[in-house]
N, C-alpha and C. Protein backbone atom coordinates (compact mmCIF):
# COMPACT_ATOMS: atom_id res chain seq x y z
N MET A 1 64.60 -23.36 67.87
CA MET A 1 64.78 -23.66 68.79
C MET A 1 64.03 -25.17 69.30
N ALA A 2 65.12 -26.06 69.40
CA ALA A 2 64.50 -27.40 69.66
C ALA A 2 63.83 -27.42 71.31
N VAL A 3 62.84 -27.78 71.48
CA VAL A 3 62.54 -27.86 73.14
C VAL A 3 62.74 -29.44 73.91
N THR A 4 63.82 -29.27 74.40
CA THR A 4 64.49 -30.45 74.89
C THR A 4 63.70 -31.45 76.01
N ASN A 5 63.17 -30.75 77.02
CA ASN A 5 62.40 -31.20 78.19
C ASN A 5 61.12 -31.16 78.31
N LEU A 6 60.37 -32.43 77.70
CA LEU A 6 59.12 -32.23 77.25
C LEU A 6 58.39 -32.67 78.40
N GLY A 7 59.05 -33.28 79.42
CA GLY A 7 58.30 -33.87 80.76
C GLY A 7 57.26 -34.94 80.21
N PRO A 8 55.97 -35.11 80.44
CA PRO A 8 54.82 -36.20 80.24
C PRO A 8 54.76 -36.09 79.08
N CYS A 9 54.62 -35.37 78.46
CA CYS A 9 54.26 -35.13 77.09
C CYS A 9 54.82 -35.51 75.71
N GLU A 10 56.44 -36.32 76.23
CA GLU A 10 57.36 -37.22 75.39
C GLU A 10 57.05 -37.86 74.57
N TRP A 11 56.13 -39.02 75.03
CA TRP A 11 55.77 -39.98 74.41
C TRP A 11 54.74 -38.87 72.86
N PHE A 12 53.80 -38.24 73.29
CA PHE A 12 52.84 -37.62 72.71
C PHE A 12 53.34 -36.88 71.36
N VAL A 13 54.05 -36.23 71.85
CA VAL A 13 55.37 -35.39 70.60
C VAL A 13 55.93 -36.26 69.98
N TRP A 14 56.35 -37.48 70.30
CA TRP A 14 57.31 -38.28 69.55
C TRP A 14 55.83 -38.95 68.28
N ASP A 15 54.69 -39.18 69.07
CA ASP A 15 54.00 -39.77 68.17
C ASP A 15 53.31 -38.57 67.12
N ILE A 16 53.13 -37.25 67.76
CA ILE A 16 52.91 -36.48 66.69
C ILE A 16 53.76 -36.36 65.34
N ARG A 17 55.01 -36.55 65.43
CA ARG A 17 56.06 -36.19 64.72
C ARG A 17 56.16 -37.56 63.72
N ARG A 18 56.28 -38.48 64.63
CA ARG A 18 55.87 -39.65 64.12
C ARG A 18 54.71 -40.06 62.76
N SER A 19 53.72 -39.78 62.85
CA SER A 19 51.95 -38.92 62.15
C SER A 19 52.62 -38.26 61.11
N HIS A 20 53.42 -37.56 60.90
CA HIS A 20 53.95 -36.76 59.70
C HIS A 20 52.57 -35.44 59.42
N LEU A 21 51.77 -35.22 60.54
CA LEU A 21 50.69 -34.63 60.45
C LEU A 21 50.80 -32.75 59.94
N MET A 22 52.32 -32.77 60.59
CA MET A 22 52.76 -31.32 60.45
C MET A 22 54.31 -31.45 60.33
N SER A 23 54.82 -30.44 59.90
CA SER A 23 56.26 -30.30 60.09
C SER A 23 56.85 -30.07 61.28
N ALA A 24 58.36 -30.77 60.98
CA ALA A 24 59.12 -30.54 62.42
C ALA A 24 58.81 -29.49 63.41
N GLU A 25 59.45 -28.37 62.28
CA GLU A 25 59.41 -26.94 62.75
C GLU A 25 57.73 -26.70 63.33
N ALA A 26 56.62 -26.97 63.01
CA ALA A 26 55.39 -26.48 63.31
C ALA A 26 55.29 -27.56 64.59
N VAL A 27 55.73 -28.72 64.75
CA VAL A 27 55.52 -29.07 66.03
C VAL A 27 56.30 -28.28 66.99
N GLU A 28 57.56 -28.06 66.90
CA GLU A 28 58.74 -27.65 67.96
C GLU A 28 57.66 -26.43 68.37
N GLU A 29 57.11 -25.32 67.27
CA GLU A 29 56.80 -24.20 67.74
C GLU A 29 55.19 -24.52 68.53
N ALA A 30 54.55 -25.05 68.50
CA ALA A 30 53.20 -25.07 69.15
C ALA A 30 53.86 -25.83 70.65
N VAL A 31 54.44 -27.21 70.48
CA VAL A 31 54.95 -27.43 71.64
C VAL A 31 55.52 -26.55 73.07
N GLY A 32 56.58 -25.85 72.13
CA GLY A 32 57.42 -24.86 73.16
C GLY A 32 56.37 -23.93 73.38
N ALA A 33 55.29 -23.19 72.74
CA ALA A 33 54.50 -22.19 73.12
C ALA A 33 53.12 -22.62 74.44
N PHE A 34 52.66 -24.55 74.49
CA PHE A 34 52.07 -24.79 75.19
C PHE A 34 52.99 -24.86 76.46
N LEU A 35 53.98 -25.41 76.67
CA LEU A 35 54.65 -25.80 77.70
C LEU A 35 55.37 -24.79 78.28
N LYS A 36 55.56 -23.24 77.70
CA LYS A 36 55.78 -21.87 78.06
C LYS A 36 54.34 -21.60 79.23
N GLN A 37 53.21 -22.17 78.69
CA GLN A 37 52.07 -21.84 79.52
C GLN A 37 52.06 -22.57 80.84
N GLN A 38 52.16 -24.15 80.40
CA GLN A 38 52.09 -24.96 81.17
C GLN A 38 53.12 -26.29 81.42
N PRO A 39 53.81 -25.65 81.83
CA PRO A 39 55.13 -26.17 82.35
C PRO A 39 54.97 -27.61 82.22
N GLU A 40 54.15 -28.23 83.20
CA GLU A 40 54.06 -29.91 83.53
C GLU A 40 52.63 -30.13 82.91
N GLY A 41 52.80 -29.69 81.66
CA GLY A 41 51.20 -30.31 81.31
C GLY A 41 51.48 -31.52 80.67
N GLU A 42 50.07 -31.97 80.81
CA GLU A 42 50.53 -33.40 80.22
C GLU A 42 49.61 -33.76 78.67
N PRO A 43 49.54 -34.49 78.20
CA PRO A 43 49.32 -35.06 76.88
C PRO A 43 48.07 -34.56 76.85
N PRO A 44 47.11 -34.97 77.51
CA PRO A 44 45.54 -34.31 77.02
C PRO A 44 45.47 -32.81 76.83
N ALA A 45 46.09 -32.66 78.08
CA ALA A 45 46.20 -30.63 77.41
C ALA A 45 47.12 -30.12 76.72
N LEU A 46 47.97 -30.96 76.13
CA LEU A 46 48.60 -30.79 75.41
C LEU A 46 48.19 -30.71 73.51
N ALA A 47 47.12 -32.05 73.63
CA ALA A 47 45.98 -32.43 72.71
C ALA A 47 45.05 -31.02 72.75
N GLN A 48 44.29 -31.19 73.62
CA GLN A 48 43.48 -29.94 73.65
C GLN A 48 43.69 -28.53 72.83
N TYR A 49 45.27 -28.31 73.51
CA TYR A 49 45.86 -26.86 72.74
C TYR A 49 45.89 -27.28 71.59
N MET A 50 46.29 -28.21 70.88
CA MET A 50 46.75 -28.05 69.64
C MET A 50 45.32 -28.11 68.84
N VAL A 51 44.32 -28.56 68.84
CA VAL A 51 43.11 -28.52 68.52
C VAL A 51 42.59 -26.90 68.76
N GLN A 52 42.43 -26.56 69.43
CA GLN A 52 42.63 -24.80 69.98
C GLN A 52 43.14 -24.17 69.21
N GLU A 53 44.54 -24.29 68.63
CA GLU A 53 45.30 -23.55 67.54
C GLU A 53 44.80 -24.15 66.37
N HIS A 54 43.97 -25.18 65.93
CA HIS A 54 43.76 -25.68 64.75
C HIS A 54 44.52 -26.70 63.91
N LEU A 55 45.91 -27.00 64.77
CA LEU A 55 46.73 -27.49 64.44
C LEU A 55 46.74 -29.31 64.27
N LEU A 56 45.37 -29.62 64.92
CA LEU A 56 44.76 -31.08 64.69
C LEU A 56 43.52 -31.12 64.57
N THR A 57 42.76 -32.13 64.61
CA THR A 57 41.26 -32.37 64.42
C THR A 57 41.18 -32.81 65.96
N PRO A 58 39.88 -32.81 66.11
CA PRO A 58 39.53 -33.56 67.40
C PRO A 58 39.78 -35.19 67.21
N PHE A 59 39.60 -35.22 65.98
CA PHE A 59 39.35 -37.28 65.50
C PHE A 59 40.96 -37.45 65.56
N GLN A 60 42.12 -36.65 65.13
CA GLN A 60 43.32 -36.71 65.17
C GLN A 60 43.50 -36.62 66.43
N ALA A 61 43.47 -35.59 67.42
CA ALA A 61 43.79 -35.56 68.44
C ALA A 61 43.53 -36.89 69.66
N GLU A 62 42.37 -37.23 69.38
CA GLU A 62 42.45 -38.95 69.80
C GLU A 62 43.08 -39.75 69.70
N ARG A 63 43.25 -40.03 68.14
CA ARG A 63 43.77 -40.84 67.58
C ARG A 63 45.37 -41.12 68.66
N LEU A 64 45.69 -39.75 68.47
CA LEU A 64 46.87 -39.64 68.75
C LEU A 64 47.52 -39.84 70.37
N LEU A 65 46.19 -39.42 71.09
CA LEU A 65 46.07 -40.20 72.73
C LEU A 65 46.27 -41.57 72.84
N GLN A 66 45.24 -42.24 71.75
CA GLN A 66 45.26 -43.53 72.00
C GLN A 66 46.39 -44.17 71.03
N GLY A 67 47.41 -43.57 70.89
CA GLY A 67 48.55 -44.09 70.32
C GLY A 67 49.01 -44.72 69.02
N LYS A 68 47.79 -44.41 67.87
CA LYS A 68 47.49 -44.78 67.04
C LYS A 68 47.60 -43.78 65.60
N SER A 69 49.26 -43.38 66.05
CA SER A 69 49.68 -42.27 64.90
C SER A 69 50.00 -42.54 63.74
N GLN A 70 50.06 -43.84 63.25
CA GLN A 70 51.00 -44.56 61.87
C GLN A 70 49.70 -44.29 60.61
N ASP A 71 48.59 -44.34 60.76
CA ASP A 71 47.76 -44.40 60.15
C ASP A 71 46.62 -42.91 59.95
N LEU A 72 47.12 -41.49 60.33
CA LEU A 72 46.44 -40.86 60.03
C LEU A 72 47.12 -39.89 58.87
N VAL A 73 47.78 -40.33 58.04
CA VAL A 73 48.02 -40.02 56.97
C VAL A 73 48.43 -41.56 56.23
N LEU A 74 47.38 -41.69 55.02
CA LEU A 74 47.88 -42.59 53.96
C LEU A 74 47.91 -41.87 52.32
N GLY A 75 49.27 -42.59 52.02
CA GLY A 75 49.40 -42.06 50.94
C GLY A 75 49.27 -40.46 50.86
N PRO A 76 49.10 -39.76 49.70
CA PRO A 76 48.79 -38.29 49.72
C PRO A 76 47.63 -37.65 50.82
N TYR A 77 46.72 -39.07 51.14
CA TYR A 77 45.90 -37.97 52.35
C TYR A 77 46.18 -38.19 53.77
N THR A 78 45.62 -36.77 54.49
CA THR A 78 45.46 -36.69 55.38
C THR A 78 44.03 -36.94 56.24
N LEU A 79 43.81 -37.73 56.87
CA LEU A 79 42.35 -37.87 57.43
C LEU A 79 42.14 -37.03 58.68
N LEU A 80 40.91 -36.34 58.44
CA LEU A 80 40.63 -35.19 59.63
C LEU A 80 39.58 -36.07 60.06
N GLU A 81 38.57 -36.58 60.02
CA GLU A 81 37.64 -37.18 60.66
C GLU A 81 37.06 -38.00 60.13
N ALA A 82 36.50 -39.64 61.00
CA ALA A 82 35.75 -40.66 60.18
C ALA A 82 34.24 -40.10 60.09
N VAL A 83 33.87 -40.68 58.92
CA VAL A 83 32.87 -40.39 58.65
C VAL A 83 31.53 -41.54 58.88
N GLY A 84 32.17 -42.69 58.72
CA GLY A 84 31.32 -43.98 58.83
C GLY A 84 31.86 -45.54 58.62
N THR A 85 31.65 -46.27 59.25
CA THR A 85 31.97 -47.60 59.30
C THR A 85 31.23 -48.37 58.64
N GLY A 86 31.21 -48.93 57.52
CA GLY A 86 30.86 -50.30 57.24
C GLY A 86 31.50 -51.84 57.22
N SER A 87 30.74 -52.84 56.58
CA SER A 87 31.22 -54.12 56.31
C SER A 87 32.15 -53.93 55.63
N MET A 88 32.98 -53.52 55.16
CA MET A 88 34.31 -53.43 54.36
C MET A 88 35.13 -52.24 54.40
N GLY A 89 35.08 -51.55 55.20
CA GLY A 89 36.01 -50.70 55.98
C GLY A 89 35.15 -49.21 56.64
N THR A 90 36.30 -48.21 56.68
CA THR A 90 35.57 -47.07 57.05
C THR A 90 35.99 -45.89 56.63
N VAL A 91 35.14 -44.95 56.26
CA VAL A 91 35.11 -43.74 55.56
C VAL A 91 35.76 -42.67 56.29
N TYR A 92 36.24 -41.94 55.94
CA TYR A 92 37.22 -40.43 56.37
C TYR A 92 37.01 -39.26 55.75
N ARG A 93 36.93 -38.62 56.22
CA ARG A 93 36.76 -36.98 55.43
C ARG A 93 38.46 -36.98 55.28
N ALA A 94 38.80 -36.12 54.53
CA ALA A 94 40.39 -36.01 54.31
C ALA A 94 40.89 -35.10 53.36
N ILE A 95 42.02 -34.92 53.26
CA ILE A 95 42.50 -33.47 52.52
C ILE A 95 43.57 -33.95 51.52
N SER A 96 44.08 -34.08 50.49
CA SER A 96 45.02 -34.39 49.91
C SER A 96 46.37 -33.26 49.88
N SER A 97 47.22 -34.17 49.85
CA SER A 97 48.49 -33.02 50.11
C SER A 97 49.14 -32.61 48.49
N LYS A 98 48.39 -33.49 47.53
CA LYS A 98 48.74 -33.38 46.43
C LYS A 98 47.89 -31.89 45.41
N ASP A 99 46.56 -31.28 46.04
CA ASP A 99 45.92 -30.60 45.41
C ASP A 99 45.04 -29.82 46.62
N HIS A 100 45.12 -30.32 47.95
CA HIS A 100 44.78 -29.59 49.02
C HIS A 100 43.14 -29.34 49.17
N LYS A 101 42.65 -30.38 48.54
CA LYS A 101 40.74 -30.47 48.05
C LYS A 101 40.55 -31.59 49.33
N PRO A 102 39.38 -31.56 49.86
CA PRO A 102 38.54 -32.33 50.60
C PRO A 102 38.03 -33.68 49.72
N TYR A 103 38.63 -34.75 50.37
CA TYR A 103 38.30 -35.87 49.66
C TYR A 103 37.53 -37.01 50.74
N ALA A 104 36.15 -37.89 49.97
CA ALA A 104 35.97 -38.74 50.83
C ALA A 104 37.41 -40.14 50.61
N VAL A 105 37.84 -40.81 51.74
CA VAL A 105 38.93 -41.90 51.53
C VAL A 105 38.02 -43.07 52.14
N LYS A 106 37.67 -44.08 51.35
CA LYS A 106 37.30 -45.34 52.19
C LYS A 106 38.81 -46.14 52.02
N VAL A 107 38.85 -46.72 53.64
CA VAL A 107 40.04 -47.46 54.09
C VAL A 107 39.72 -49.31 54.25
N LEU A 108 39.97 -50.23 53.53
CA LEU A 108 39.66 -51.35 53.62
C LEU A 108 40.99 -52.07 54.16
N PRO A 109 41.10 -52.64 55.23
CA PRO A 109 41.75 -53.42 55.29
C PRO A 109 42.26 -54.62 54.92
N ARG A 110 43.25 -55.33 54.86
CA ARG A 110 43.37 -56.03 53.93
C ARG A 110 43.90 -57.72 54.60
N ARG A 111 42.43 -57.94 54.45
CA ARG A 111 41.98 -59.02 55.42
C ARG A 111 41.73 -60.02 54.00
N SER A 112 42.11 -59.86 53.13
CA SER A 112 41.72 -60.77 51.63
C SER A 112 41.61 -60.46 50.74
N MET A 113 42.19 -61.11 49.64
CA MET A 113 41.98 -60.36 48.39
C MET A 113 40.44 -60.22 47.45
N TRP A 114 39.69 -60.95 48.66
CA TRP A 114 38.10 -60.75 47.97
C TRP A 114 37.52 -58.87 48.31
N ASN A 115 38.21 -58.68 49.75
CA ASN A 115 38.18 -57.34 49.71
C ASN A 115 38.41 -56.19 48.36
N ALA A 116 39.75 -56.28 47.97
CA ALA A 116 40.53 -55.96 47.11
C ALA A 116 39.25 -55.90 45.51
N ARG A 117 39.18 -56.96 45.28
CA ARG A 117 38.33 -57.26 43.72
C ARG A 117 37.01 -56.91 44.63
N MET A 118 36.24 -56.89 45.46
CA MET A 118 34.93 -56.15 45.76
C MET A 118 34.88 -54.40 46.00
N ALA A 119 36.19 -54.10 46.29
CA ALA A 119 35.91 -52.90 46.46
C ALA A 119 36.11 -52.39 44.73
N ARG A 120 37.06 -53.07 43.97
CA ARG A 120 37.18 -52.37 42.68
C ARG A 120 35.58 -52.24 41.71
N ARG A 121 35.15 -53.81 41.98
CA ARG A 121 33.81 -54.01 41.32
C ARG A 121 33.45 -52.50 41.93
N GLN A 122 32.76 -52.24 43.08
CA GLN A 122 32.08 -51.14 44.08
C GLN A 122 32.67 -49.88 42.98
N VAL A 123 33.68 -49.72 42.70
CA VAL A 123 34.47 -48.57 42.42
C VAL A 123 33.73 -48.26 40.68
N THR A 124 34.19 -49.25 40.04
CA THR A 124 34.18 -49.36 38.91
C THR A 124 32.43 -49.15 38.66
N ALA A 125 31.39 -49.67 39.75
CA ALA A 125 29.69 -49.48 39.53
C ALA A 125 29.78 -48.04 39.87
N PHE A 126 30.13 -47.41 40.40
CA PHE A 126 29.69 -46.21 41.24
C PHE A 126 30.33 -45.45 39.91
N GLU A 127 31.21 -45.65 39.37
CA GLU A 127 31.83 -44.65 38.40
C GLU A 127 30.42 -44.51 37.15
N LYS A 128 29.99 -45.66 37.15
CA LYS A 128 28.51 -45.96 35.81
C LYS A 128 27.35 -45.53 36.59
N CYS A 129 27.42 -44.98 38.20
CA CYS A 129 26.21 -44.37 38.25
C CYS A 129 25.68 -43.24 37.58
N LYS A 130 24.36 -43.10 37.06
CA LYS A 130 23.63 -41.95 37.08
C LYS A 130 23.02 -41.12 38.04
N HIS A 131 22.77 -41.36 39.12
CA HIS A 131 21.91 -41.18 40.12
C HIS A 131 22.36 -40.01 40.50
N PRO A 132 21.17 -38.69 40.23
CA PRO A 132 21.85 -37.25 40.79
C PRO A 132 22.49 -37.69 42.53
N ALA A 133 21.98 -37.66 43.24
CA ALA A 133 22.49 -37.70 44.90
C ALA A 133 24.09 -37.83 44.42
N GLU A 134 24.52 -39.19 44.12
CA GLU A 134 25.73 -39.80 43.68
C GLU A 134 26.77 -38.88 42.58
N SER A 135 25.85 -37.87 41.84
CA SER A 135 26.89 -37.18 40.73
C SER A 135 28.09 -36.41 41.68
N ARG A 136 27.67 -35.98 43.14
CA ARG A 136 28.93 -35.06 43.49
C ARG A 136 29.91 -35.71 43.75
N CYS A 137 30.28 -36.92 43.98
CA CYS A 137 31.49 -37.27 43.38
C CYS A 137 32.36 -37.96 42.56
N LYS A 138 33.35 -37.21 41.89
CA LYS A 138 33.88 -37.31 40.94
C LYS A 138 35.40 -38.29 41.61
N ALA A 139 36.11 -38.24 40.11
CA ALA A 139 37.53 -38.58 40.37
C ALA A 139 37.70 -39.61 41.09
N TRP A 140 36.96 -40.63 41.18
CA TRP A 140 37.25 -41.85 42.05
C TRP A 140 38.93 -42.58 41.60
N SER A 141 39.28 -42.99 42.75
CA SER A 141 40.69 -43.93 42.47
C SER A 141 41.01 -44.73 43.60
N SER A 142 41.96 -45.63 43.41
CA SER A 142 42.24 -46.60 43.93
C SER A 142 43.74 -46.84 44.22
N GLU A 143 44.56 -46.96 45.48
CA GLU A 143 45.74 -47.41 45.51
C GLU A 143 45.82 -47.82 46.63
N ARG A 144 47.37 -48.22 46.91
CA ARG A 144 47.54 -48.88 48.31
C ARG A 144 48.67 -47.97 48.90
N ALA A 145 48.62 -48.27 50.20
CA ALA A 145 49.50 -47.35 50.85
C ALA A 145 50.18 -48.46 52.36
N ASP A 146 51.02 -47.94 52.33
CA ASP A 146 52.04 -48.93 53.26
C ASP A 146 51.42 -48.17 54.80
N SER A 147 51.22 -48.85 55.43
CA SER A 147 51.00 -48.54 57.17
C SER A 147 51.95 -48.97 57.83
N SER A 148 52.48 -49.01 58.97
CA SER A 148 53.50 -49.98 59.73
C SER A 148 52.72 -51.20 60.02
N GLN A 149 51.47 -51.18 59.91
CA GLN A 149 50.98 -52.60 59.98
C GLN A 149 50.70 -53.39 59.06
N ASN A 150 50.11 -53.09 58.55
CA ASN A 150 49.56 -53.72 56.91
C ASN A 150 49.41 -52.76 55.93
N ARG A 151 49.53 -53.47 54.65
CA ARG A 151 48.99 -52.48 53.43
C ARG A 151 47.42 -52.31 53.63
N ARG A 152 47.07 -51.14 53.02
CA ARG A 152 45.60 -50.78 52.96
C ARG A 152 45.19 -50.38 51.50
N LEU A 153 44.23 -50.92 50.95
CA LEU A 153 43.58 -50.04 50.04
C LEU A 153 42.47 -48.85 50.46
N ILE A 154 43.10 -48.20 49.88
CA ILE A 154 42.24 -46.70 49.91
C ILE A 154 41.48 -46.37 48.35
N THR A 155 40.30 -46.24 48.40
CA THR A 155 39.43 -45.65 47.19
C THR A 155 39.49 -44.26 47.99
N SER A 156 39.50 -43.68 47.03
CA SER A 156 39.05 -42.00 47.30
C SER A 156 37.81 -41.13 46.14
N CYS A 157 37.53 -40.10 46.63
CA CYS A 157 36.24 -39.57 46.16
C CYS A 157 36.59 -38.04 46.24
N LYS A 158 36.80 -37.40 45.26
CA LYS A 158 36.74 -35.83 45.32
C LYS A 158 35.59 -35.24 45.98
N LEU A 159 35.56 -34.72 46.78
CA LEU A 159 34.20 -33.89 47.31
C LEU A 159 33.85 -32.42 47.10
N PRO A 160 32.73 -32.24 46.83
CA PRO A 160 32.29 -30.62 46.49
C PRO A 160 32.37 -29.92 47.75
N ARG A 161 32.25 -28.57 47.43
CA ARG A 161 32.49 -27.78 48.58
C ARG A 161 31.72 -27.84 49.93
N ALA A 162 30.76 -27.90 49.21
CA ALA A 162 29.40 -28.15 50.26
C ALA A 162 29.28 -29.65 51.09
N TRP A 163 30.57 -30.49 50.90
CA TRP A 163 30.49 -31.50 51.54
C TRP A 163 30.46 -31.54 53.14
N PRO A 164 30.89 -30.71 54.13
CA PRO A 164 30.98 -30.84 55.03
C PRO A 164 29.34 -30.39 55.99
N SER A 165 28.62 -29.66 55.37
CA SER A 165 27.47 -29.08 55.55
C SER A 165 26.63 -30.23 55.10
N VAL A 166 26.82 -31.67 54.29
CA VAL A 166 25.97 -32.55 53.63
C VAL A 166 26.13 -33.38 55.14
N ILE A 167 27.43 -33.74 55.52
CA ILE A 167 28.20 -34.65 57.18
C ILE A 167 26.99 -33.95 57.98
N LYS A 168 27.34 -32.94 58.14
CA LYS A 168 26.69 -32.34 59.70
C LYS A 168 25.02 -32.45 59.40
N THR A 169 24.40 -32.45 58.36
CA THR A 169 23.02 -32.96 58.21
C THR A 169 22.44 -34.15 58.21
N ALA A 170 23.13 -34.84 57.24
CA ALA A 170 22.83 -36.53 57.19
C ALA A 170 22.59 -37.36 58.67
């Protein structure tokens, strides 16, 4: 059953749907349950509810509240949290819809062809790297993903199971 009166949460629910982070049925179910508890609930309260129910990560909830829903799903990757930002782009912890495994995804804004060439050189150099600390990342790939604002070059690296603990301790 579709929830028709979303009140102040209407724009937030629309952004969740637009993000493709979850199915329409999952959105309807979560919003319906939230509105039963808090009929006049505000978007931050709905976001917190969805984080507590493990439907969104805190990173995703914050991006949605900022109105930045269009870049949370890039190609087959769903971004879970930002890991770090450098001169060429931002690295995210992500999950792939193809194999449901964790990846590190570097997203480069399409500012110039130099970025694309430099990124390809770095990926190629990284594949040849024999350093033991870097051997944890395997299966590099590069692809383009269309977003609503511009095209992005995405470089991904399959992560080992221990990656979350590496991130927390680094």
